[in-house]
Amino acid sequence: MMLFAWLKQRRKASRRISADADSLIAQFGQNAYGEARSRAIQALRRRPVDPHWSDVRREIGRRTGRVFLDTATRYLEG
């Protein structure tokens, strides 16, 4: 029973992330990634930390091809 509740919450969060990514892309165009990044940084400064905007940033990056490698991956590929 608990698994289904978790799955339902995850699907709801996924739809919200997708909807916010759609909205930012429509509103900011090519600058949507930067806007989502700014919102993610602001969200990380608040307590409790909400990863929603980081997830939106990642989704926009995936859709637009602006996917950046993390430091560890860059180091290993260097």
Protein backbone atom coordinates (compact mmCIF):
# COMPACT_ATOMS: atom_id res chain seq x y z
CA MET A 1 0.00 0.00 0.00
CA MET A 2 2.83 2.38 0.86
CA LEU A 3 4.53 1.72 -2.47
CA PHE A 4 1.46 2.84 -4.37
CA ALA A 5 1.25 6.05 -2.35
CA TRP A 6 4.91 6.76 -3.11
CA LEU A 7 4.40 6.04 -6.81
CA LYS A 8 1.35 8.31 -6.92
CA GLN A 9 3.32 11.15 -5.28
CA ARG A 10 6.22 10.64 -7.69
CA ARG A 11 3.92 10.80 -10.71
CA LYS A 12 2.29 13.94 -9.36
CA ALA A 13 5.71 15.54 -8.84
CA SER A 14 6.78 14.49 -12.35
CA ARG A 15 3.72 16.14 -13.89
CA ARG A 16 4.39 19.32 -11.89
CA ILE A 17 8.03 19.37 -13.03
CA SER A 18 6.97 18.89 -16.65
CA ALA A 19 4.31 21.60 -16.41
CA ASP A 20 6.76 24.09 -14.85
CA ALA A 21 9.36 23.26 -17.51
CA ASP A 22 6.75 23.85 -20.24
CA SER A 23 5.79 27.15 -18.64
CA LEU A 24 9.37 28.44 -18.32
CA ILE A 25 10.22 27.42 -21.88
CA ALA A 26 7.10 29.20 -23.18
CA GLN A 27 7.79 32.29 -21.08
CA PHE A 28 11.59 32.60 -21.35
CA GLY A 29 12.48 30.68 -24.52
CA GLN A 30 16.21 30.00 -24.72
CA ASN A 31 16.71 31.65 -21.34
CA ALA A 32 14.47 29.10 -19.60
CA TYR A 33 17.44 27.06 -18.38
CA GLY A 34 19.03 30.12 -16.78
CA GLU A 35 15.76 31.10 -15.12
CA ALA A 36 15.26 27.59 -13.74
CA ARG A 37 18.86 27.60 -12.52
CA SER A 38 18.30 30.91 -10.69
CA ARG A 39 15.17 29.54 -9.07
CA ALA A 40 17.00 26.35 -8.08
CA ILE A 41 19.76 28.35 -6.39
CA GLN A 42 17.19 30.41 -4.48
CA ALA A 43 15.36 27.24 -3.42
CA LEU A 44 18.58 25.69 -2.11
CA ARG A 45 19.05 28.66 0.22
CA ARG A 46 15.65 28.12 1.86
CA ARG A 47 14.95 25.66 4.63
CA PRO A 48 13.74 23.02 4.23
CA VAL A 49 15.41 22.54 0.87
CA ASP A 50 13.00 21.77 -1.96
CA PRO A 51 14.65 20.10 -4.98
CA HIS A 52 11.72 20.96 -7.30
CA TRP A 53 13.45 23.74 -9.23
CA SER A 54 16.63 21.69 -9.58
CA ASP A 55 14.48 18.98 -11.14
CA VAL A 56 12.84 21.55 -13.44
CA ARG A 57 16.29 22.83 -14.45
CA ARG A 58 17.40 19.28 -15.23
CA GLU A 59 14.24 18.65 -17.29
CA ILE A 60 14.75 21.84 -19.31
CA GLY A 61 18.38 20.89 -19.86
CA ARG A 62 17.33 17.46 -21.08
CA ARG A 63 14.76 18.93 -23.48
CA THR A 64 16.99 21.66 -24.87
CA GLY A 65 20.28 19.78 -24.93
CA ARG A 66 21.80 22.00 -22.24
CA VAL A 67 22.95 19.17 -20.02
CA PHE A 68 26.08 19.98 -18.11
CA LEU A 69 28.38 17.40 -16.65
CA ASP A 70 29.10 17.46 -12.96
CA THR A 71 32.63 18.14 -11.70
CA ALA A 72 33.47 14.48 -11.07
CA THR A 73 32.45 13.44 -14.59
CA ARG A 74 34.42 16.31 -16.17
CA TYR A 75 37.46 15.30 -14.13
CA LEU A 76 37.24 11.66 -15.21
CA GLU A 77 36.78 12.60 -18.88
CA GLY A 78 39.59 15.17 -18.78
